[in-house]
Amino acid sequence: MFLKTGDKVRVIAGKDKGKDGQIIKTIAADNRVVVEGINKVKKHQKASQANPQGGIADVEAPINASNVMLIDPSTNEPTRVSFEVKDGKKVRISKKSHKAID
């Protein structure tokens, strides 16, 4: 997976197309990511010690990693990603600006 927690991404498909957000969590086994403020769903919660009132909460659901595109920090535009080995470390490279992302 070419995405990491904390990356800024733009949604390129689905109901939230065009919105930007930051990755909260990655689920590599399912190729899915949870993006802050994107793909909000209503979750019905039963009353508990932590939440005595219960109720309906808005939470972010995972979306497929293929539906988001990494935003290049140098240009603030969505970009595809390639990998290179520099000084023995695997580095992500922006396909638009040809600069290292991290």
PDB file of N, CA and C in Angstrom:
ATOM      1  N   MET A   1       0.852  -1.175   0.000  1.00  0.00           N
ATOM      2  CA  MET A   1       0.000   0.000   0.000  1.00  0.00           C
ATOM      3  C   MET A   1       0.901   1.244   0.000  1.00  0.00           C
ATOM      4  N   PHE A   2       0.561   2.230  -0.785  1.00  0.00           N
ATOM      5  CA  PHE A   2       1.394   3.415  -0.935  1.00  0.00           C
ATOM      6  C   PHE A   2       0.985   4.542  -0.001  1.00  0.00           C
ATOM      7  N   LEU A   3       0.012   4.311   0.874  1.00  0.00           N
ATOM      8  CA  LEU A   3      -0.481   5.328   1.796  1.00  0.00           C
ATOM      9  C   LEU A   3      -0.060   5.003   3.219  1.00  0.00           C
ATOM     10  N   LYS A   4       0.125   6.063   4.016  1.00  0.00           N
ATOM     11  CA  LYS A   4       0.486   5.898   5.417  1.00  0.00           C
ATOM     12  C   LYS A   4      -0.432   6.760   6.271  1.00  0.00           C
ATOM     13  N   THR A   5      -0.523   6.437   7.547  1.00  0.00           N
ATOM     14  CA  THR A   5      -1.294   7.240   8.483  1.00  0.00           C
ATOM     15  C   THR A   5      -0.701   8.644   8.529  1.00  0.00           C
ATOM     16  N   GLY A   6      -1.560   9.649   8.465  1.00  0.00           N
ATOM     17  CA  GLY A   6      -1.111  11.045   8.491  1.00  0.00           C
ATOM     18  C   GLY A   6      -0.979  11.678   7.123  1.00  0.00           C
ATOM     19  N   ASP A   7      -1.059  10.896   6.046  1.00  0.00           N
ATOM     20  CA  ASP A   7      -0.983  11.450   4.688  1.00  0.00           C
ATOM     21  C   ASP A   7      -2.235  12.245   4.370  1.00  0.00           C
ATOM     22  N   LYS A   8      -2.056  13.307   3.596  1.00  0.00           N
ATOM     23  CA  LYS A   8      -3.193  14.079   3.112  1.00  0.00           C
ATOM     24  C   LYS A   8      -3.600  13.501   1.762  1.00  0.00           C
ATOM     25  N   VAL A   9      -4.902  13.217   1.598  1.00  0.00           N
ATOM     26  CA  VAL A   9      -5.392  12.587   0.372  1.00  0.00           C
ATOM     27  C   VAL A   9      -6.624  13.313  -0.151  1.00  0.00           C
ATOM     28  N   ARG A  10      -6.910  13.088  -1.440  1.00  0.00           N
ATOM     29  CA  ARG A  10      -8.124  13.590  -2.073  1.00  0.00           C
ATOM     30  C   ARG A  10      -8.920  12.392  -2.562  1.00  0.00           C
ATOM     31  N   VAL A  11     -10.243  12.416  -2.315  1.00  0.00           N
ATOM     32  CA  VAL A  11     -11.115  11.336  -2.750  1.00  0.00           C
ATOM     33  C   VAL A  11     -11.394  11.533  -4.236  1.00  0.00           C
ATOM     34  N   ILE A  12     -11.200  10.467  -5.052  1.00  0.00           N
ATOM     35  CA  ILE A  12     -11.376  10.584  -6.505  1.00  0.00           C
ATOM     36  C   ILE A  12     -12.581   9.808  -7.006  1.00  0.00           C
ATOM     37  N   ALA A  13     -13.275   9.087  -6.115  1.00  0.00           N
ATOM     38  CA  ALA A  13     -14.455   8.331  -6.523  1.00  0.00           C
ATOM     39  C   ALA A  13     -15.374   8.151  -5.326  1.00  0.00           C
ATOM     40  N   GLY A  14     -16.675   8.104  -5.597  1.00  0.00           N
ATOM     41  CA  GLY A  14     -17.644   7.864  -4.537  1.00  0.00           C
ATOM     42  C   GLY A  14     -18.422   9.105  -4.167  1.00  0.00           C
ATOM     43  N   LYS A  15     -19.197   8.999  -3.094  1.00  0.00           N
ATOM     44  CA  LYS A  15     -20.108  10.086  -2.707  1.00  0.00           C
ATOM     45  C   LYS A  15     -19.375  11.330  -2.204  1.00  0.00           C
ATOM     46  N   ASP A  16     -18.129  11.192  -1.757  1.00  0.00           N
ATOM     47  CA  ASP A  16     -17.361  12.326  -1.252  1.00  0.00           C
ATOM     48  C   ASP A  16     -16.286  12.776  -2.234  1.00  0.00           C
ATOM     49  N   LYS A  17     -16.490  12.517  -3.524  1.00  0.00           N
ATOM     50  CA  LYS A  17     -15.507  12.842  -4.562  1.00  0.00           C
ATOM     51  C   LYS A  17     -15.137  14.322  -4.508  1.00  0.00           C
ATOM     52  N   GLY A  18     -13.819  14.595  -4.554  1.00  0.00           N
ATOM     53  CA  GLY A  18     -13.326  15.965  -4.562  1.00  0.00           C
ATOM     54  C   GLY A  18     -12.943  16.495  -3.190  1.00  0.00           C
ATOM     55  N   LYS A  19     -13.305  15.806  -2.122  1.00  0.00           N
ATOM     56  CA  LYS A  19     -12.992  16.267  -0.770  1.00  0.00           C
ATOM     57  C   LYS A  19     -11.592  15.824  -0.365  1.00  0.00           C
ATOM     58  N   ASP A  20     -10.958  16.641   0.482  1.00  0.00           N
ATOM     59  CA  ASP A  20      -9.636  16.326   1.010  1.00  0.00           C
ATOM     60  C   ASP A  20      -9.751  15.931   2.468  1.00  0.00           C
ATOM     61  N   GLY A  21      -8.808  15.124   2.921  1.00  0.00           N
ATOM     62  CA  GLY A  21      -8.773  14.735   4.321  1.00  0.00           C
ATOM     63  C   GLY A  21      -7.464  14.069   4.661  1.00  0.00           C
ATOM     64  N   GLN A  22      -7.281  13.814   5.947  1.00  0.00           N
ATOM     65  CA  GLN A  22      -6.067  13.174   6.423  1.00  0.00           C
ATOM     66  C   GLN A  22      -6.378  11.748   6.838  1.00  0.00           C
ATOM     67  N   ILE A  23      -5.471  10.835   6.552  1.00  0.00           N
ATOM     68  CA  ILE A  23      -5.678   9.426   6.877  1.00  0.00           C
ATOM     69  C   ILE A  23      -5.516   9.224   8.376  1.00  0.00           C
ATOM     70  N   ILE A  24      -6.550   8.630   8.987  1.00  0.00           N
ATOM     71  CA  ILE A  24      -6.537   8.336  10.417  1.00  0.00           C
ATOM     72  C   ILE A  24      -5.977   6.937  10.652  1.00  0.00           C
ATOM     73  N   LYS A  25      -6.364   5.998   9.777  1.00  0.00           N
ATOM     74  CA  LYS A  25      -6.001   4.594   9.985  1.00  0.00           C
ATOM     75  C   LYS A  25      -5.902   3.901   8.636  1.00  0.00           C
ATOM     76  N   THR A  26      -4.958   2.967   8.515  1.00  0.00           N
ATOM     77  CA  THR A  26      -4.858   2.146   7.311  1.00  0.00           C
ATOM     78  C   THR A  26      -5.134   0.693   7.687  1.00  0.00           C
ATOM     79  N   ILE A  27      -5.832  -0.004   6.806  1.00  0.00           N
ATOM     80  CA  ILE A  27      -6.121  -1.426   6.984  1.00  0.00           C
ATOM     81  C   ILE A  27      -5.528  -2.126   5.760  1.00  0.00           C
ATOM     82  N   ALA A  28      -4.252  -2.475   5.844  1.00  0.00           N
ATOM     83  CA  ALA A  28      -3.510  -3.003   4.698  1.00  0.00           C
ATOM     84  C   ALA A  28      -4.051  -4.344   4.229  1.00  0.00           C
ATOM     85  N   ALA A  29      -4.531  -5.168   5.147  1.00  0.00           N
ATOM     86  CA  ALA A  29      -5.027  -6.496   4.773  1.00  0.00           C
ATOM     87  C   ALA A  29      -6.221  -6.400   3.833  1.00  0.00           C
ATOM     88  N   ASP A  30      -7.047  -5.366   3.991  1.00  0.00           N
ATOM     89  CA  ASP A  30      -8.228  -5.175   3.145  1.00  0.00           C
ATOM     90  C   ASP A  30      -8.040  -4.084   2.102  1.00  0.00           C
ATOM     91  N   ASN A  31      -6.841  -3.457   2.043  1.00  0.00           N
ATOM     92  CA  ASN A  31      -6.551  -2.350   1.127  1.00  0.00           C
ATOM     93  C   ASN A  31      -7.541  -1.198   1.323  1.00  0.00           C
ATOM     94  N   ARG A  32      -7.788  -0.849   2.582  1.00  0.00           N
ATOM     95  CA  ARG A  32      -8.741   0.204   2.907  1.00  0.00           C
ATOM     96  C   ARG A  32      -8.096   1.238   3.826  1.00  0.00           C
ATOM     97  N   VAL A  33      -8.624   2.456   3.797  1.00  0.00           N
ATOM     98  CA  VAL A  33      -8.155   3.526   4.671  1.00  0.00           C
ATOM     99  C   VAL A  33      -9.354   4.248   5.284  1.00  0.00           C
ATOM    100  N   VAL A  34      -9.141   4.810   6.470  1.00  0.00           N
ATOM    101  CA  VAL A  34     -10.150   5.642   7.124  1.00  0.00           C
ATOM    102  C   VAL A  34      -9.643   7.067   7.026  1.00  0.00           C
ATOM    103  N   VAL A  35     -10.450   7.958   6.400  1.00  0.00           N
ATOM    104  CA  VAL A  35     -10.050   9.336   6.171  1.00  0.00           C
ATOM    105  C   VAL A  35     -10.925  10.247   7.024  1.00  0.00           C
ATOM    106  N   GLU A  36     -10.285  11.213   7.674  1.00  0.00           N
ATOM    107  CA  GLU A  36     -10.974  12.133   8.569  1.00  0.00           C
ATOM    108  C   GLU A  36     -12.042  12.934   7.812  1.00  0.00           C
ATOM    109  N   GLY A  37     -13.286  12.835   8.261  1.00  0.00           N
ATOM    110  CA  GLY A  37     -14.387  13.603   7.679  1.00  0.00           C
ATOM    111  C   GLY A  37     -14.967  13.032   6.397  1.00  0.00           C
ATOM    112  N   ILE A  38     -14.486  11.885   5.942  1.00  0.00           N
ATOM    113  CA  ILE A  38     -14.929  11.289   4.685  1.00  0.00           C
ATOM    114  C   ILE A  38     -15.682   9.995   4.974  1.00  0.00           C
ATOM    115  N   ASN A  39     -16.710   9.694   4.158  1.00  0.00           N
ATOM    116  CA  ASN A  39     -17.503   8.473   4.258  1.00  0.00           C
ATOM    117  C   ASN A  39     -18.121   8.323   5.646  1.00  0.00           C
ATOM    118  N   LYS A  40     -18.795   9.383   6.096  1.00  0.00           N
ATOM    119  CA  LYS A  40     -19.459   9.367   7.401  1.00  0.00           C
ATOM    120  C   LYS A  40     -20.693   8.472   7.332  1.00  0.00           C
ATOM    121  N   VAL A  41     -20.849   7.620   8.332  1.00  0.00           N
ATOM    122  CA  VAL A  41     -22.026   6.760   8.442  1.00  0.00           C
ATOM    123  C   VAL A  41     -22.604   6.903   9.842  1.00  0.00           C
ATOM    124  N   LYS A  42     -23.876   6.584   9.985  1.00  0.00           N
ATOM    125  CA  LYS A  42     -24.541   6.651  11.282  1.00  0.00           C
ATOM    126  C   LYS A  42     -24.398   5.300  11.972  1.00  0.00           C
ATOM    127  N   LYS A  43     -23.904   5.325  13.202  1.00  0.00           N
ATOM    128  CA  LYS A  43     -23.739   4.096  13.966  1.00  0.00           C
ATOM    129  C   LYS A  43     -24.635   4.169  15.203  1.00  0.00           C
ATOM    130  N   HIS A  44     -25.494   3.177  15.334  1.00  0.00           N
ATOM    131  CA  HIS A  44     -26.395   3.116  16.483  1.00  0.00           C
ATOM    132  C   HIS A  44     -25.637   2.488  17.639  1.00  0.00           C
ATOM    133  N   GLN A  45     -25.576   3.230  18.772  1.00  0.00           N
ATOM    134  CA  GLN A  45     -24.818   2.743  19.909  1.00  0.00           C
ATOM    135  C   GLN A  45     -25.740   2.478  21.093  1.00  0.00           C
ATOM    136  N   LYS A  46     -25.579   1.314  21.661  1.00  0.00           N
ATOM    137  CA  LYS A  46     -26.339   0.918  22.838  1.00  0.00           C
ATOM    138  C   LYS A  46     -25.786   1.662  24.056  1.00  0.00           C
ATOM    139  N   ALA A  47     -26.616   1.949  25.027  1.00  0.00           N
ATOM    140  CA  ALA A  47     -26.169   2.619  26.240  1.00  0.00           C
ATOM    141  C   ALA A  47     -25.153   1.739  26.970  1.00  0.00           C
ATOM    142  N   SER A  48     -24.102   2.366  27.521  1.00  0.00           N
ATOM    143  CA  SER A  48     -23.053   1.631  28.229  1.00  0.00           C
ATOM    144  C   SER A  48     -22.510   2.519  29.348  1.00  0.00           C
ATOM    145  N   GLN A  49     -21.545   2.016  30.089  1.00  0.00           N
ATOM    146  CA  GLN A  49     -20.924   2.808  31.161  1.00  0.00           C
ATOM    147  C   GLN A  49     -20.252   4.055  30.584  1.00  0.00           C
ATOM    148  N   ALA A  50     -19.545   3.890  29.467  1.00  0.00           N
ATOM    149  CA  ALA A  50     -18.833   5.010  28.851  1.00  0.00           C
ATOM    150  C   ALA A  50     -19.797   5.998  28.196  1.00  0.00           C
ATOM    151  N   ASN A  51     -20.900   5.477  27.634  1.00  0.00           N
ATOM    152  CA  ASN A  51     -21.890   6.308  26.950  1.00  0.00           C
ATOM    153  C   ASN A  51     -23.279   5.973  27.511  1.00  0.00           C
ATOM    154  N   PRO A  52     -23.627   6.544  28.685  1.00  0.00           N
ATOM    155  CA  PRO A  52     -24.870   6.143  29.343  1.00  0.00           C
ATOM    156  C   PRO A  52     -26.129   6.503  28.543  1.00  0.00           C
ATOM    157  N   GLN A  53     -26.055   7.500  27.701  1.00  0.00           N
ATOM    158  CA  GLN A  53     -27.226   7.927  26.931  1.00  0.00           C
ATOM    159  C   GLN A  53     -27.467   7.030  25.710  1.00  0.00           C
ATOM    160  N   GLY A  54     -26.384   6.481  25.133  1.00  0.00           N
ATOM    161  CA  GLY A  54     -26.526   5.724  23.889  1.00  0.00           C
ATOM    162  C   GLY A  54     -26.802   6.683  22.747  1.00  0.00           C
ATOM    163  N   GLY A  55     -27.480   6.223  21.698  1.00  0.00           N
ATOM    164  CA  GLY A  55     -27.878   7.104  20.619  1.00  0.00           C
ATOM    165  C   GLY A  55     -27.244   6.758  19.288  1.00  0.00           C
ATOM    166  N   ILE A  56     -27.281   7.739  18.376  1.00  0.00           N
ATOM    167  CA  ILE A  56     -26.768   7.561  17.021  1.00  0.00           C
ATOM    168  C   ILE A  56     -25.571   8.484  16.848  1.00  0.00           C
ATOM    169  N   ALA A  57     -24.438   7.913  16.461  1.00  0.00           N
ATOM    170  CA  ALA A  57     -23.200   8.684  16.285  1.00  0.00           C
ATOM    171  C   ALA A  57     -22.772   8.652  14.828  1.00  0.00           C
ATOM    172  N   ASP A  58     -22.168   9.750  14.377  1.00  0.00           N
ATOM    173  CA  ASP A  58     -21.571   9.807  13.042  1.00  0.00           C
ATOM    174  C   ASP A  58     -20.116   9.369  13.155  1.00  0.00           C
ATOM    175  N   VAL A  59     -19.732   8.321  12.416  1.00  0.00           N
ATOM    176  CA  VAL A  59     -18.351   7.842  12.426  1.00  0.00           C
ATOM    177  C   VAL A  59     -17.854   7.687  10.994  1.00  0.00           C
ATOM    178  N   GLU A  60     -16.533   7.745  10.829  1.00  0.00           N
ATOM    179  CA  GLU A  60     -15.945   7.547   9.504  1.00  0.00           C
ATOM    180  C   GLU A  60     -15.787   6.053   9.248  1.00  0.00           C
ATOM    181  N   ALA A  61     -16.252   5.608   8.093  1.00  0.00           N
ATOM    182  CA  ALA A  61     -16.115   4.208   7.697  1.00  0.00           C
ATOM    183  C   ALA A  61     -14.933   4.090   6.734  1.00  0.00           C
ATOM    184  N   PRO A  62     -14.309   2.909   6.652  1.00  0.00           N
ATOM    185  CA  PRO A  62     -13.183   2.729   5.730  1.00  0.00           C
ATOM    186  C   PRO A  62     -13.633   2.803   4.275  1.00  0.00           C
ATOM    187  N   ILE A  63     -12.759   3.327   3.417  1.00  0.00           N
ATOM    188  CA  ILE A  63     -13.007   3.309   1.978  1.00  0.00           C
ATOM    189  C   ILE A  63     -11.801   2.652   1.304  1.00  0.00           C
ATOM    190  N   ASN A  64     -12.003   2.173   0.098  1.00  0.00           N
ATOM    191  CA  ASN A  64     -10.937   1.488  -0.615  1.00  0.00           C
ATOM    192  C   ASN A  64      -9.812   2.467  -0.945  1.00  0.00           C
ATOM    193  N   ALA A  65      -8.589   2.012  -0.808  1.00  0.00           N
ATOM    194  CA  ALA A  65      -7.424   2.866  -1.056  1.00  0.00           C
ATOM    195  C   ALA A  65      -7.344   3.317  -2.510  1.00  0.00           C
ATOM    196  N   SER A  66      -7.974   2.565  -3.428  1.00  0.00           N
ATOM    197  CA  SER A  66      -7.946   2.962  -4.835  1.00  0.00           C
ATOM    198  C   SER A  66      -8.848   4.166  -5.105  1.00  0.00           C
ATOM    199  N   ASN A  67      -9.691   4.527  -4.153  1.00  0.00           N
ATOM    200  CA  ASN A  67     -10.597   5.668  -4.324  1.00  0.00           C
ATOM    201  C   ASN A  67     -10.023   6.963  -3.781  1.00  0.00           C
ATOM    202  N   VAL A  68      -8.795   6.935  -3.304  1.00  0.00           N
ATOM    203  CA  VAL A  68      -8.143   8.153  -2.838  1.00  0.00           C
ATOM    204  C   VAL A  68      -6.806   8.311  -3.552  1.00  0.00           C
ATOM    205  N   MET A  69      -6.351   9.566  -3.619  1.00  0.00           N
ATOM    206  CA  MET A  69      -5.087   9.868  -4.283  1.00  0.00           C
ATOM    207  C   MET A  69      -4.257  10.750  -3.358  1.00  0.00           C
ATOM    208  N   LEU A  70      -3.011  10.400  -3.182  1.00  0.00           N
ATOM    209  CA  LEU A  70      -2.107  11.133  -2.314  1.00  0.00           C
ATOM    210  C   LEU A  70      -1.888  12.551  -2.837  1.00  0.00           C
ATOM    211  N   ILE A  71      -1.889  13.538  -1.924  1.00  0.00           N
ATOM    212  CA  ILE A  71      -1.618  14.921  -2.311  1.00  0.00           C
ATOM    213  C   ILE A  71      -0.133  15.193  -2.091  1.00  0.00           C
ATOM    214  N   ASP A  72       0.538  15.640  -3.153  1.00  0.00           N
ATOM    215  CA  ASP A  72       1.967  15.953  -3.107  1.00  0.00           C
ATOM    216  C   ASP A  72       2.167  17.174  -2.203  1.00  0.00           C
ATOM    217  N   PRO A  73       2.966  17.071  -1.135  1.00  0.00           N
ATOM    218  CA  PRO A  73       3.147  18.203  -0.228  1.00  0.00           C
ATOM    219  C   PRO A  73       3.799  19.424  -0.881  1.00  0.00           C
ATOM    220  N   SER A  74       4.616  19.227  -1.914  1.00  0.00           N
ATOM    221  CA  SER A  74       5.300  20.368  -2.533  1.00  0.00           C
ATOM    222  C   SER A  74       4.393  21.160  -3.470  1.00  0.00           C
ATOM    223  N   THR A  75       3.411  20.491  -4.125  1.00  0.00           N
ATOM    224  CA  THR A  75       2.559  21.188  -5.092  1.00  0.00           C
ATOM    225  C   THR A  75       1.092  21.278  -4.659  1.00  0.00           C
ATOM    226  N   ASN A  76       0.708  20.550  -3.600  1.00  0.00           N
ATOM    227  CA  ASN A  76      -0.689  20.492  -3.138  1.00  0.00           C
ATOM    228  C   ASN A  76      -1.646  19.983  -4.204  1.00  0.00           C
ATOM    229  N   GLU A  77      -1.163  19.136  -5.102  1.00  0.00           N
ATOM    230  CA  GLU A  77      -1.980  18.519  -6.141  1.00  0.00           C
ATOM    231  C   GLU A  77      -1.941  16.999  -5.973  1.00  0.00           C
ATOM    232  N   PRO A  78      -3.028  16.305  -6.346  1.00  0.00           N
ATOM    233  CA  PRO A  78      -3.007  14.836  -6.272  1.00  0.00           C
ATOM    234  C   PRO A  78      -1.962  14.269  -7.231  1.00  0.00           C
ATOM    235  N   THR A  79      -1.316  13.210  -6.808  1.00  0.00           N
ATOM    236  CA  THR A  79      -0.263  12.614  -7.616  1.00  0.00           C
ATOM    237  C   THR A  79      -0.250  11.107  -7.447  1.00  0.00           C
ATOM    238  N   ARG A  80       0.268  10.422  -8.479  1.00  0.00           N
ATOM    239  CA  ARG A  80       0.514   8.991  -8.347  1.00  0.00           C
ATOM    240  C   ARG A  80       1.862   8.818  -7.669  1.00  0.00           C
ATOM    241  N   VAL A  81       2.117   7.603  -7.193  1.00  0.00           N
ATOM    242  CA  VAL A  81       3.303   7.366  -6.386  1.00  0.00           C
ATOM    243  C   VAL A  81       4.137   6.230  -6.977  1.00  0.00           C
ATOM    244  N   SER A  82       5.452   6.421  -6.980  1.00  0.00           N
ATOM    245  CA  SER A  82       6.365   5.331  -7.320  1.00  0.00           C
ATOM    246  C   SER A  82       7.333   5.169  -6.157  1.00  0.00           C
ATOM    247  N   PHE A  83       8.126   4.125  -6.199  1.00  0.00           N
ATOM    248  CA  PHE A  83       9.079   3.855  -5.133  1.00  0.00           C
ATOM    249  C   PHE A  83      10.485   3.787  -5.697  1.00  0.00           C
ATOM    250  N   GLU A  84      11.450   4.277  -4.911  1.00  0.00           N
ATOM    251  CA  GLU A  84      12.861   4.165  -5.254  1.00  0.00           C
ATOM    252  C   GLU A  84      13.622   3.813  -3.988  1.00  0.00           C
ATOM    253  N   VAL A  85      14.776   3.185  -4.158  1.00  0.00           N
ATOM    254  CA  VAL A  85      15.638   2.898  -3.020  1.00  0.00           C
ATOM    255  C   VAL A  85      16.761   3.916  -3.029  1.00  0.00           C
ATOM    256  N   LYS A  86      16.823   4.733  -1.964  1.00  0.00           N
ATOM    257  CA  LYS A  86      17.875   5.749  -1.835  1.00  0.00           C
ATOM    258  C   LYS A  86      18.595   5.520  -0.514  1.00  0.00           C
ATOM    259  N   ASP A  87      19.893   5.360  -0.562  1.00  0.00           N
ATOM    260  CA  ASP A  87      20.713   5.118   0.634  1.00  0.00           C
ATOM    261  C   ASP A  87      20.207   3.935   1.445  1.00  0.00           C
ATOM    262  N   GLY A  88      19.754   2.898   0.756  1.00  0.00           N
ATOM    263  CA  GLY A  88      19.292   1.693   1.433  1.00  0.00           C
ATOM    264  C   GLY A  88      17.899   1.779   2.023  1.00  0.00           C
ATOM    265  N   LYS A  89      17.183   2.891   1.767  1.00  0.00           N
ATOM    266  CA  LYS A  89      15.819   3.051   2.279  1.00  0.00           C
ATOM    267  C   LYS A  89      14.839   3.179   1.118  1.00  0.00           C
ATOM    268  N   LYS A  90      13.682   2.571   1.269  1.00  0.00           N
ATOM    269  CA  LYS A  90      12.631   2.660   0.256  1.00  0.00           C
ATOM    270  C   LYS A  90      11.898   3.991   0.457  1.00  0.00           C
ATOM    271  N   VAL A  91      11.847   4.802  -0.598  1.00  0.00           N
ATOM    272  CA  VAL A  91      11.279   6.146  -0.515  1.00  0.00           C
ATOM    273  C   VAL A  91      10.151   6.291  -1.524  1.00  0.00           C
ATOM    274  N   ARG A  92       9.071   6.955  -1.123  1.00  0.00           N
ATOM    275  CA  ARG A  92       7.964   7.246  -2.055  1.00  0.00           C
ATOM    276  C   ARG A  92       8.324   8.475  -2.874  1.00  0.00           C
ATOM    277  N   ILE A  93       8.058   8.409  -4.185  1.00  0.00           N
ATOM    278  CA  ILE A  93       8.389   9.486  -5.114  1.00  0.00           C
ATOM    279  C   ILE A  93       7.112   9.940  -5.817  1.00  0.00           C
ATOM    280  N   SER A  94       6.909  11.257  -5.900  1.00  0.00           N
ATOM    281  CA  SER A  94       5.769  11.813  -6.616  1.00  0.00           C
ATOM    282  C   SER A  94       6.003  11.688  -8.108  1.00  0.00           C
ATOM    283  N   LYS A  95       4.980  11.223  -8.839  1.00  0.00           N
ATOM    284  CA  LYS A  95       5.123  11.073 -10.300  1.00  0.00           C
ATOM    285  C   LYS A  95       5.014  12.424 -11.009  1.00  0.00           C
ATOM    286  N   LYS A  96       4.401  13.442 -10.366  1.00  0.00           N
ATOM    287  CA  LYS A  96       4.271  14.753 -11.005  1.00  0.00           C
ATOM    288  C   LYS A  96       5.531  15.597 -10.821  1.00  0.00           C
ATOM    289  N   SER A  97       5.994  15.733  -9.585  1.00  0.00           N
ATOM    290  CA  SER A  97       7.133  16.600  -9.324  1.00  0.00           C
ATOM    291  C   SER A  97       8.451  15.860  -9.255  1.00  0.00           C
ATOM    292  N   HIS A  98       8.416  14.526  -9.248  1.00  0.00           N
ATOM    293  CA  HIS A  98       9.618  13.679  -9.179  1.00  0.00           C
ATOM    294  C   HIS A  98      10.459  13.981  -7.944  1.00  0.00           C
ATOM    295  N   LYS A  99       9.780  14.336  -6.829  1.00  0.00           N
ATOM    296  CA  LYS A  99      10.462  14.609  -5.562  1.00  0.00           C
ATOM    297  C   LYS A  99      10.043  13.574  -4.543  1.00  0.00           C
ATOM    298  N   ALA A 100      10.884  13.367  -3.537  1.00  0.00           N
ATOM    299  CA  ALA A 100      10.581  12.435  -2.460  1.00  0.00           C
ATOM    300  C   ALA A 100       9.429  12.997  -1.601  1.00  0.00           C
ATOM    301  N   ILE A 101       8.506  12.122  -1.213  1.00  0.00           N
ATOM    302  CA  ILE A 101       7.370  12.542  -0.405  1.00  0.00           C
ATOM    303  C   ILE A 101       7.711  12.467   1.073  1.00  0.00           C
ATOM    304  N   ASP A 102       8.455  11.422   1.464  1.00  0.00           N
ATOM    305  CA  ASP A 102       8.823  11.321   2.883  1.00  0.00           C
ATOM    306  C   ASP A 102      10.277  10.969   3.056  1.00  0.00           C
TER     307      ASP A 102
END
